[in-house]
Amino acid sequence: RFLPPLGSFLYWLRPSTIRLPPWPGKVPL
């Protein structure tokens, strides 16, 4: 990780980035 040296909050406060639900077919919403 160089430019920038981290992702995390830069992604998770940004709409339309990819998320990975662990059980999308089993847990509602």
PDB file of all heavy atoms in Angstrom:
ATOM      1  N   ARG A   1       0.871  -1.183   0.000  1.00  0.00           N
ATOM      2  CA  ARG A   1       0.000   0.000   0.000  1.00  0.00           C
ATOM      3  C   ARG A   1       0.901   1.223   0.000  1.00  0.00           C
ATOM      4  O   ARG A   1       1.632   1.468   0.956  1.00  0.00           O
ATOM      5  CB  ARG A   1      -0.902   0.017   1.233  1.00  0.00           C
ATOM      6  CG  ARG A   1      -1.988  -1.035   1.208  1.00  0.00           C
ATOM      7  CD  ARG A   1      -2.963  -0.788   2.367  1.00  0.00           C
ATOM      8  NE  ARG A   1      -4.035  -1.747   2.356  1.00  0.00           N
ATOM      9  CZ  ARG A   1      -5.104  -1.693   1.578  1.00  0.00           C
ATOM     10  NH1 ARG A   1      -5.232  -0.700   0.742  1.00  0.00           N
ATOM     11  NH2 ARG A   1      -6.032  -2.616   1.628  1.00  0.00           N
ATOM     12  N   PHE A   2       0.847   1.965  -1.061  1.00  0.00           N
ATOM     13  CA  PHE A   2       1.728   3.117  -1.199  1.00  0.00           C
ATOM     14  C   PHE A   2       0.944   4.423  -1.347  1.00  0.00           C
ATOM     15  O   PHE A   2       1.172   5.380  -0.623  1.00  0.00           O
ATOM     16  CB  PHE A   2       2.639   2.937  -2.424  1.00  0.00           C
ATOM     17  CG  PHE A   2       3.470   1.689  -2.383  1.00  0.00           C
ATOM     18  CD1 PHE A   2       3.094   0.566  -3.095  1.00  0.00           C
ATOM     19  CD2 PHE A   2       4.640   1.636  -1.635  1.00  0.00           C
ATOM     20  CE1 PHE A   2       3.865  -0.592  -3.069  1.00  0.00           C
ATOM     21  CE2 PHE A   2       5.414   0.492  -1.591  1.00  0.00           C
ATOM     22  CZ  PHE A   2       5.020  -0.625  -2.312  1.00  0.00           C
ATOM     23  N   LEU A   3       0.038   4.451  -2.292  1.00  0.00           N
ATOM     24  CA  LEU A   3      -0.636   5.693  -2.685  1.00  0.00           C
ATOM     25  C   LEU A   3      -2.146   5.507  -2.706  1.00  0.00           C
ATOM     26  O   LEU A   3      -2.717   5.169  -3.745  1.00  0.00           O
ATOM     27  CB  LEU A   3      -0.145   6.104  -4.091  1.00  0.00           C
ATOM     28  CG  LEU A   3       1.365   6.216  -4.291  1.00  0.00           C
ATOM     29  CD1 LEU A   3       1.699   6.299  -5.756  1.00  0.00           C
ATOM     30  CD2 LEU A   3       1.911   7.406  -3.539  1.00  0.00           C
ATOM     31  N   PRO A   4      -2.830   5.697  -1.585  1.00  0.00           N
ATOM     32  CA  PRO A   4      -2.382   6.029  -0.230  1.00  0.00           C
ATOM     33  C   PRO A   4      -1.934   4.775   0.531  1.00  0.00           C
ATOM     34  O   PRO A   4      -2.130   3.660   0.047  1.00  0.00           O
ATOM     35  CB  PRO A   4      -3.649   6.625   0.398  1.00  0.00           C
ATOM     36  CG  PRO A   4      -4.757   5.867  -0.275  1.00  0.00           C
ATOM     37  CD  PRO A   4      -4.310   5.644  -1.681  1.00  0.00           C
ATOM     38  N   PRO A   5      -1.384   4.925   1.750  1.00  0.00           N
ATOM     39  CA  PRO A   5      -0.885   3.764   2.495  1.00  0.00           C
ATOM     40  C   PRO A   5      -1.974   2.953   3.199  1.00  0.00           C
ATOM     41  O   PRO A   5      -1.655   1.990   3.898  1.00  0.00           O
ATOM     42  CB  PRO A   5       0.062   4.402   3.518  1.00  0.00           C
ATOM     43  CG  PRO A   5      -0.496   5.762   3.750  1.00  0.00           C
ATOM     44  CD  PRO A   5      -1.041   6.199   2.420  1.00  0.00           C
ATOM     45  N   LEU A   6      -3.225   3.345   3.038  1.00  0.00           N
ATOM     46  CA  LEU A   6      -4.336   2.607   3.645  1.00  0.00           C
ATOM     47  C   LEU A   6      -5.574   2.778   2.782  1.00  0.00           C
ATOM     48  O   LEU A   6      -5.634   3.657   1.915  1.00  0.00           O
ATOM     49  CB  LEU A   6      -4.609   3.076   5.077  1.00  0.00           C
ATOM     50  CG  LEU A   6      -5.395   4.378   5.282  1.00  0.00           C
ATOM     51  CD1 LEU A   6      -5.791   4.495   6.738  1.00  0.00           C
ATOM     52  CD2 LEU A   6      -4.610   5.615   4.895  1.00  0.00           C
ATOM     53  N   GLY A   7      -6.554   1.904   3.010  1.00  0.00           N
ATOM     54  CA  GLY A   7      -7.837   2.028   2.325  1.00  0.00           C
ATOM     55  C   GLY A   7      -8.915   2.290   3.356  1.00  0.00           C
ATOM     56  O   GLY A   7      -9.215   3.425   3.709  1.00  0.00           O
ATOM     57  N   SER A   8      -9.502   1.222   3.858  1.00  0.00           N
ATOM     58  CA  SER A   8     -10.427   1.240   4.993  1.00  0.00           C
ATOM     59  C   SER A   8     -11.399   2.414   4.948  1.00  0.00           C
ATOM     60  O   SER A   8     -12.301   2.446   4.127  1.00  0.00           O
ATOM     61  CB  SER A   8      -9.620   1.204   6.294  1.00  0.00           C
ATOM     62  OG  SER A   8      -8.797   0.058   6.308  1.00  0.00           O
ATOM     63  N   PHE A   9     -11.236   3.400   5.857  1.00  0.00           N
ATOM     64  CA  PHE A   9     -12.249   4.460   5.975  1.00  0.00           C
ATOM     65  C   PHE A   9     -12.397   5.263   4.683  1.00  0.00           C
ATOM     66  O   PHE A   9     -13.456   5.825   4.413  1.00  0.00           O
ATOM     67  CB  PHE A   9     -11.957   5.378   7.172  1.00  0.00           C
ATOM     68  CG  PHE A   9     -10.788   6.319   6.990  1.00  0.00           C
ATOM     69  CD1 PHE A   9     -10.965   7.559   6.406  1.00  0.00           C
ATOM     70  CD2 PHE A   9      -9.516   5.960   7.426  1.00  0.00           C
ATOM     71  CE1 PHE A   9      -9.905   8.430   6.257  1.00  0.00           C
ATOM     72  CE2 PHE A   9      -8.453   6.823   7.273  1.00  0.00           C
ATOM     73  CZ  PHE A   9      -8.635   8.056   6.691  1.00  0.00           C
ATOM     74  N   LEU A  10     -11.328   5.313   3.857  1.00  0.00           N
ATOM     75  CA  LEU A  10     -11.434   6.014   2.581  1.00  0.00           C
ATOM     76  C   LEU A  10     -12.433   5.325   1.652  1.00  0.00           C
ATOM     77  O   LEU A  10     -13.026   5.959   0.778  1.00  0.00           O
ATOM     78  CB  LEU A  10     -10.064   6.087   1.907  1.00  0.00           C
ATOM     79  CG  LEU A  10      -8.970   6.846   2.674  1.00  0.00           C
ATOM     80  CD1 LEU A  10      -7.648   6.753   1.934  1.00  0.00           C
ATOM     81  CD2 LEU A  10      -9.369   8.305   2.874  1.00  0.00           C
ATOM     82  N   TYR A  11     -12.613   4.022   1.857  1.00  0.00           N
ATOM     83  CA  TYR A  11     -13.575   3.244   1.081  1.00  0.00           C
ATOM     84  C   TYR A  11     -14.927   3.166   1.781  1.00  0.00           C
ATOM     85  O   TYR A  11     -15.974   3.303   1.152  1.00  0.00           O
ATOM     86  CB  TYR A  11     -13.055   1.819   0.868  1.00  0.00           C
ATOM     87  CG  TYR A  11     -11.997   1.692  -0.195  1.00  0.00           C
ATOM     88  CD1 TYR A  11     -10.711   2.176   0.001  1.00  0.00           C
ATOM     89  CD2 TYR A  11     -12.283   1.075  -1.403  1.00  0.00           C
ATOM     90  CE1 TYR A  11      -9.745   2.048  -0.964  1.00  0.00           C
ATOM     91  CE2 TYR A  11     -11.321   0.930  -2.388  1.00  0.00           C
ATOM     92  CZ  TYR A  11     -10.051   1.421  -2.165  1.00  0.00           C
ATOM     93  OH  TYR A  11      -9.092   1.292  -3.133  1.00  0.00           O
ATOM     94  N   TRP A  12     -14.886   2.897   3.072  1.00  0.00           N
ATOM     95  CA  TRP A  12     -16.110   2.541   3.792  1.00  0.00           C
ATOM     96  C   TRP A  12     -16.976   3.750   4.132  1.00  0.00           C
ATOM     97  O   TRP A  12     -18.102   3.601   4.591  1.00  0.00           O
ATOM     98  CB  TRP A  12     -15.761   1.732   5.029  1.00  0.00           C
ATOM     99  CG  TRP A  12     -14.961   0.504   4.650  1.00  0.00           C
ATOM    100  CD1 TRP A  12     -15.035  -0.171   3.461  1.00  0.00           C
ATOM    101  CD2 TRP A  12     -13.970  -0.154   5.427  1.00  0.00           C
ATOM    102  NE1 TRP A  12     -14.156  -1.225   3.454  1.00  0.00           N
ATOM    103  CE2 TRP A  12     -13.480  -1.248   4.644  1.00  0.00           C
ATOM    104  CE3 TRP A  12     -13.449   0.031   6.702  1.00  0.00           C
ATOM    105  CZ2 TRP A  12     -12.515  -2.124   5.103  1.00  0.00           C
ATOM    106  CZ3 TRP A  12     -12.471  -0.838   7.165  1.00  0.00           C
ATOM    107  CH2 TRP A  12     -12.010  -1.891   6.370  1.00  0.00           C
ATOM    108  N   LEU A  13     -16.450   4.950   3.906  1.00  0.00           N
ATOM    109  CA  LEU A  13     -17.258   6.163   3.977  1.00  0.00           C
ATOM    110  C   LEU A  13     -17.642   6.647   2.572  1.00  0.00           C
ATOM    111  O   LEU A  13     -18.192   7.738   2.424  1.00  0.00           O
ATOM    112  CB  LEU A  13     -16.493   7.273   4.710  1.00  0.00           C
ATOM    113  CG  LEU A  13     -16.266   7.053   6.209  1.00  0.00           C
ATOM    114  CD1 LEU A  13     -15.366   8.145   6.770  1.00  0.00           C
ATOM    115  CD2 LEU A  13     -17.588   7.006   6.973  1.00  0.00           C
ATOM    116  N   ARG A  14     -17.388   5.826   1.573  1.00  0.00           N
ATOM    117  CA  ARG A  14     -17.591   6.204   0.173  1.00  0.00           C
ATOM    118  C   ARG A  14     -18.683   5.330  -0.439  1.00  0.00           C
ATOM    119  O   ARG A  14     -18.499   4.124  -0.621  1.00  0.00           O
ATOM    120  CB  ARG A  14     -16.273   6.023  -0.586  1.00  0.00           C
ATOM    121  CG  ARG A  14     -16.250   6.585  -1.993  1.00  0.00           C
ATOM    122  CD  ARG A  14     -14.914   6.214  -2.635  1.00  0.00           C
ATOM    123  NE  ARG A  14     -14.743   6.835  -3.936  1.00  0.00           N
ATOM    124  CZ  ARG A  14     -13.943   7.861  -4.176  1.00  0.00           C
ATOM    125  NH1 ARG A  14     -13.265   8.417  -3.194  1.00  0.00           N
ATOM    126  NH2 ARG A  14     -13.815   8.351  -5.390  1.00  0.00           N
ATOM    127  N   PRO A  15     -19.826   5.886  -0.773  1.00  0.00           N
ATOM    128  CA  PRO A  15     -20.889   5.090  -1.406  1.00  0.00           C
ATOM    129  C   PRO A  15     -20.428   4.492  -2.733  1.00  0.00           C
ATOM    130  O   PRO A  15     -19.546   5.039  -3.404  1.00  0.00           O
ATOM    131  CB  PRO A  15     -22.020   6.100  -1.613  1.00  0.00           C
ATOM    132  CG  PRO A  15     -21.751   7.187  -0.632  1.00  0.00           C
ATOM    133  CD  PRO A  15     -20.257   7.278  -0.531  1.00  0.00           C
ATOM    134  N   SER A  16     -21.023   3.348  -3.076  1.00  0.00           N
ATOM    135  CA  SER A  16     -20.797   2.637  -4.340  1.00  0.00           C
ATOM    136  C   SER A  16     -19.517   1.818  -4.377  1.00  0.00           C
ATOM    137  O   SER A  16     -19.209   1.215  -5.412  1.00  0.00           O
ATOM    138  CB  SER A  16     -20.826   3.597  -5.545  1.00  0.00           C
ATOM    139  OG  SER A  16     -22.095   4.218  -5.649  1.00  0.00           O
ATOM    140  N   THR A  17     -18.741   1.792  -3.293  1.00  0.00           N
ATOM    141  CA  THR A  17     -17.645   0.835  -3.242  1.00  0.00           C
ATOM    142  C   THR A  17     -18.226  -0.563  -2.986  1.00  0.00           C
ATOM    143  O   THR A  17     -19.395  -0.712  -2.630  1.00  0.00           O
ATOM    144  CB  THR A  17     -16.632   1.202  -2.146  1.00  0.00           C
ATOM    145  OG1 THR A  17     -17.331   1.427  -0.913  1.00  0.00           O
ATOM    146  CG2 THR A  17     -15.864   2.466  -2.513  1.00  0.00           C
ATOM    147  N   ILE A  18     -17.402  -1.579  -3.167  1.00  0.00           N
ATOM    148  CA  ILE A  18     -17.877  -2.960  -3.066  1.00  0.00           C
ATOM    149  C   ILE A  18     -17.933  -3.389  -1.606  1.00  0.00           C
ATOM    150  O   ILE A  18     -17.003  -3.143  -0.839  1.00  0.00           O
ATOM    151  CB  ILE A  18     -16.961  -3.910  -3.854  1.00  0.00           C
ATOM    152  CG1 ILE A  18     -16.994  -3.572  -5.338  1.00  0.00           C
ATOM    153  CG2 ILE A  18     -17.373  -5.376  -3.642  1.00  0.00           C
ATOM    154  CD1 ILE A  18     -16.015  -4.372  -6.188  1.00  0.00           C
ATOM    155  N   ARG A  19     -19.024  -4.047  -1.247  1.00  0.00           N
ATOM    156  CA  ARG A  19     -19.130  -4.671   0.066  1.00  0.00           C
ATOM    157  C   ARG A  19     -19.414  -6.159  -0.139  1.00  0.00           C
ATOM    158  O   ARG A  19     -19.964  -6.575  -1.160  1.00  0.00           O
ATOM    159  CB  ARG A  19     -20.222  -4.032   0.924  1.00  0.00           C
ATOM    160  CG  ARG A  19     -21.628  -4.206   0.383  1.00  0.00           C
ATOM    161  CD  ARG A  19     -22.677  -3.571   1.300  1.00  0.00           C
ATOM    162  NE  ARG A  19     -24.026  -3.754   0.761  1.00  0.00           N
ATOM    163  CZ  ARG A  19     -24.797  -4.805   1.006  1.00  0.00           C
ATOM    164  NH1 ARG A  19     -24.361  -5.774   1.808  1.00  0.00           N
ATOM    165  NH2 ARG A  19     -25.995  -4.903   0.466  1.00  0.00           N
ATOM    166  N   LEU A  20     -19.046  -6.962   0.853  1.00  0.00           N
ATOM    167  CA  LEU A  20     -19.204  -8.414   0.763  1.00  0.00           C
ATOM    168  C   LEU A  20     -19.981  -8.933   1.963  1.00  0.00           C
ATOM    169  O   LEU A  20     -19.397  -9.225   3.014  1.00  0.00           O
ATOM    170  CB  LEU A  20     -17.832  -9.096   0.700  1.00  0.00           C
ATOM    171  CG  LEU A  20     -16.908  -8.740  -0.468  1.00  0.00           C
ATOM    172  CD1 LEU A  20     -15.583  -9.481  -0.335  1.00  0.00           C
ATOM    173  CD2 LEU A  20     -17.564  -9.051  -1.805  1.00  0.00           C
ATOM    174  N   PRO A  21     -21.291  -9.060   1.858  1.00  0.00           N
ATOM    175  CA  PRO A  21     -22.064  -9.622   2.973  1.00  0.00           C
ATOM    176  C   PRO A  21     -21.744 -11.107   3.158  1.00  0.00           C
ATOM    177  O   PRO A  21     -21.590 -11.837   2.167  1.00  0.00           O
ATOM    178  CB  PRO A  21     -23.515  -9.426   2.534  1.00  0.00           C
ATOM    179  CG  PRO A  21     -23.456  -9.328   1.039  1.00  0.00           C
ATOM    180  CD  PRO A  21     -22.142  -8.700   0.714  1.00  0.00           C
ATOM    181  N   PRO A  22     -21.591 -11.576   4.394  1.00  0.00           N
ATOM    182  CA  PRO A  22     -21.208 -12.979   4.607  1.00  0.00           C
ATOM    183  C   PRO A  22     -22.293 -13.985   4.251  1.00  0.00           C
ATOM    184  O   PRO A  22     -21.994 -15.084   3.784  1.00  0.00           O
ATOM    185  CB  PRO A  22     -20.867 -13.028   6.101  1.00  0.00           C
ATOM    186  CG  PRO A  22     -21.617 -11.884   6.706  1.00  0.00           C
ATOM    187  CD  PRO A  22     -21.652 -10.823   5.657  1.00  0.00           C
ATOM    188  N   TRP A  23     -23.560 -13.652   4.480  1.00  0.00           N
ATOM    189  CA  TRP A  23     -24.657 -14.589   4.204  1.00  0.00           C
ATOM    190  C   TRP A  23     -25.805 -13.843   3.513  1.00  0.00           C
ATOM    191  O   TRP A  23     -26.896 -13.692   4.071  1.00  0.00           O
ATOM    192  CB  TRP A  23     -25.156 -15.227   5.493  1.00  0.00           C
ATOM    193  CG  TRP A  23     -24.073 -15.934   6.250  1.00  0.00           C
ATOM    194  CD1 TRP A  23     -23.444 -17.089   5.894  1.00  0.00           C
ATOM    195  CD2 TRP A  23     -23.490 -15.534   7.509  1.00  0.00           C
ATOM    196  NE1 TRP A  23     -22.507 -17.437   6.841  1.00  0.00           N
ATOM    197  CE2 TRP A  23     -22.506 -16.504   7.842  1.00  0.00           C
ATOM    198  CE3 TRP A  23     -23.706 -14.454   8.380  1.00  0.00           C
ATOM    199  CZ2 TRP A  23     -21.749 -16.421   8.997  1.00  0.00           C
ATOM    200  CZ3 TRP A  23     -22.943 -14.368   9.528  1.00  0.00           C
ATOM    201  CH2 TRP A  23     -21.983 -15.346   9.824  1.00  0.00           C
ATOM    202  N   PRO A  24     -25.591 -13.374   2.288  1.00  0.00           N
ATOM    203  CA  PRO A  24     -26.610 -12.536   1.634  1.00  0.00           C
ATOM    204  C   PRO A  24     -27.915 -13.269   1.360  1.00  0.00           C
ATOM    205  O   PRO A  24     -28.969 -12.642   1.295  1.00  0.00           O
ATOM    206  CB  PRO A  24     -25.930 -12.126   0.324  1.00  0.00           C
ATOM    207  CG  PRO A  24     -24.897 -13.171   0.081  1.00  0.00           C
ATOM    208  CD  PRO A  24     -24.414 -13.564   1.437  1.00  0.00           C
ATOM    209  N   GLY A  25     -27.857 -14.577   1.212  1.00  0.00           N
ATOM    210  CA  GLY A  25     -29.078 -15.316   0.926  1.00  0.00           C
ATOM    211  C   GLY A  25     -29.818 -15.781   2.159  1.00  0.00           C
ATOM    212  O   GLY A  25     -30.920 -16.337   2.056  1.00  0.00           O
ATOM    213  N   LYS A  26     -29.237 -15.559   3.331  1.00  0.00           N
ATOM    214  CA  LYS A  26     -29.821 -16.068   4.563  1.00  0.00           C
ATOM    215  C   LYS A  26     -30.216 -14.975   5.551  1.00  0.00           C
ATOM    216  O   LYS A  26     -31.149 -15.153   6.334  1.00  0.00           O
ATOM    217  CB  LYS A  26     -28.837 -17.038   5.233  1.00  0.00           C
ATOM    218  CG  LYS A  26     -28.521 -18.267   4.380  1.00  0.00           C
ATOM    219  CD  LYS A  26     -27.523 -19.176   5.062  1.00  0.00           C
ATOM    220  CE  LYS A  26     -27.203 -20.402   4.200  1.00  0.00           C
ATOM    221  NZ  LYS A  26     -26.210 -21.294   4.835  1.00  0.00           N
ATOM    222  N   VAL A  27     -29.488 -13.880   5.561  1.00  0.00           N
ATOM    223  CA  VAL A  27     -29.767 -12.801   6.508  1.00  0.00           C
ATOM    224  C   VAL A  27     -30.547 -11.707   5.786  1.00  0.00           C
ATOM    225  O   VAL A  27     -30.063 -11.153   4.793  1.00  0.00           O
ATOM    226  CB  VAL A  27     -28.471 -12.226   7.099  1.00  0.00           C
ATOM    227  CG1 VAL A  27     -28.781 -11.083   8.066  1.00  0.00           C
ATOM    228  CG2 VAL A  27     -27.671 -13.320   7.803  1.00  0.00           C
ATOM    229  N   PRO A  28     -31.742 -11.372   6.250  1.00  0.00           N
ATOM    230  CA  PRO A  28     -32.542 -10.330   5.587  1.00  0.00           C
ATOM    231  C   PRO A  28     -31.811  -8.988   5.539  1.00  0.00           C
ATOM    232  O   PRO A  28     -31.000  -8.670   6.416  1.00  0.00           O
ATOM    233  CB  PRO A  28     -33.800 -10.245   6.463  1.00  0.00           C
ATOM    234  CG  PRO A  28     -33.872 -11.558   7.180  1.00  0.00           C
ATOM    235  CD  PRO A  28     -32.454 -11.985   7.398  1.00  0.00           C
ATOM    236  N   LEU A  29     -32.102  -8.223   4.514  1.00  0.00           N
ATOM    237  CA  LEU A  29     -31.598  -6.854   4.349  1.00  0.00           C
ATOM    238  C   LEU A  29     -30.085  -6.780   4.144  1.00  0.00           C
ATOM    239  O   LEU A  29     -29.465  -5.753   4.416  1.00  0.00           O
ATOM    240  CB  LEU A  29     -31.990  -5.988   5.561  1.00  0.00           C
ATOM    241  CG  LEU A  29     -33.487  -5.923   5.891  1.00  0.00           C
ATOM    242  CD1 LEU A  29     -33.717  -5.080   7.131  1.00  0.00           C
ATOM    243  CD2 LEU A  29     -34.270  -5.378   4.708  1.00  0.00           C
TER     244      LEU A  29
END
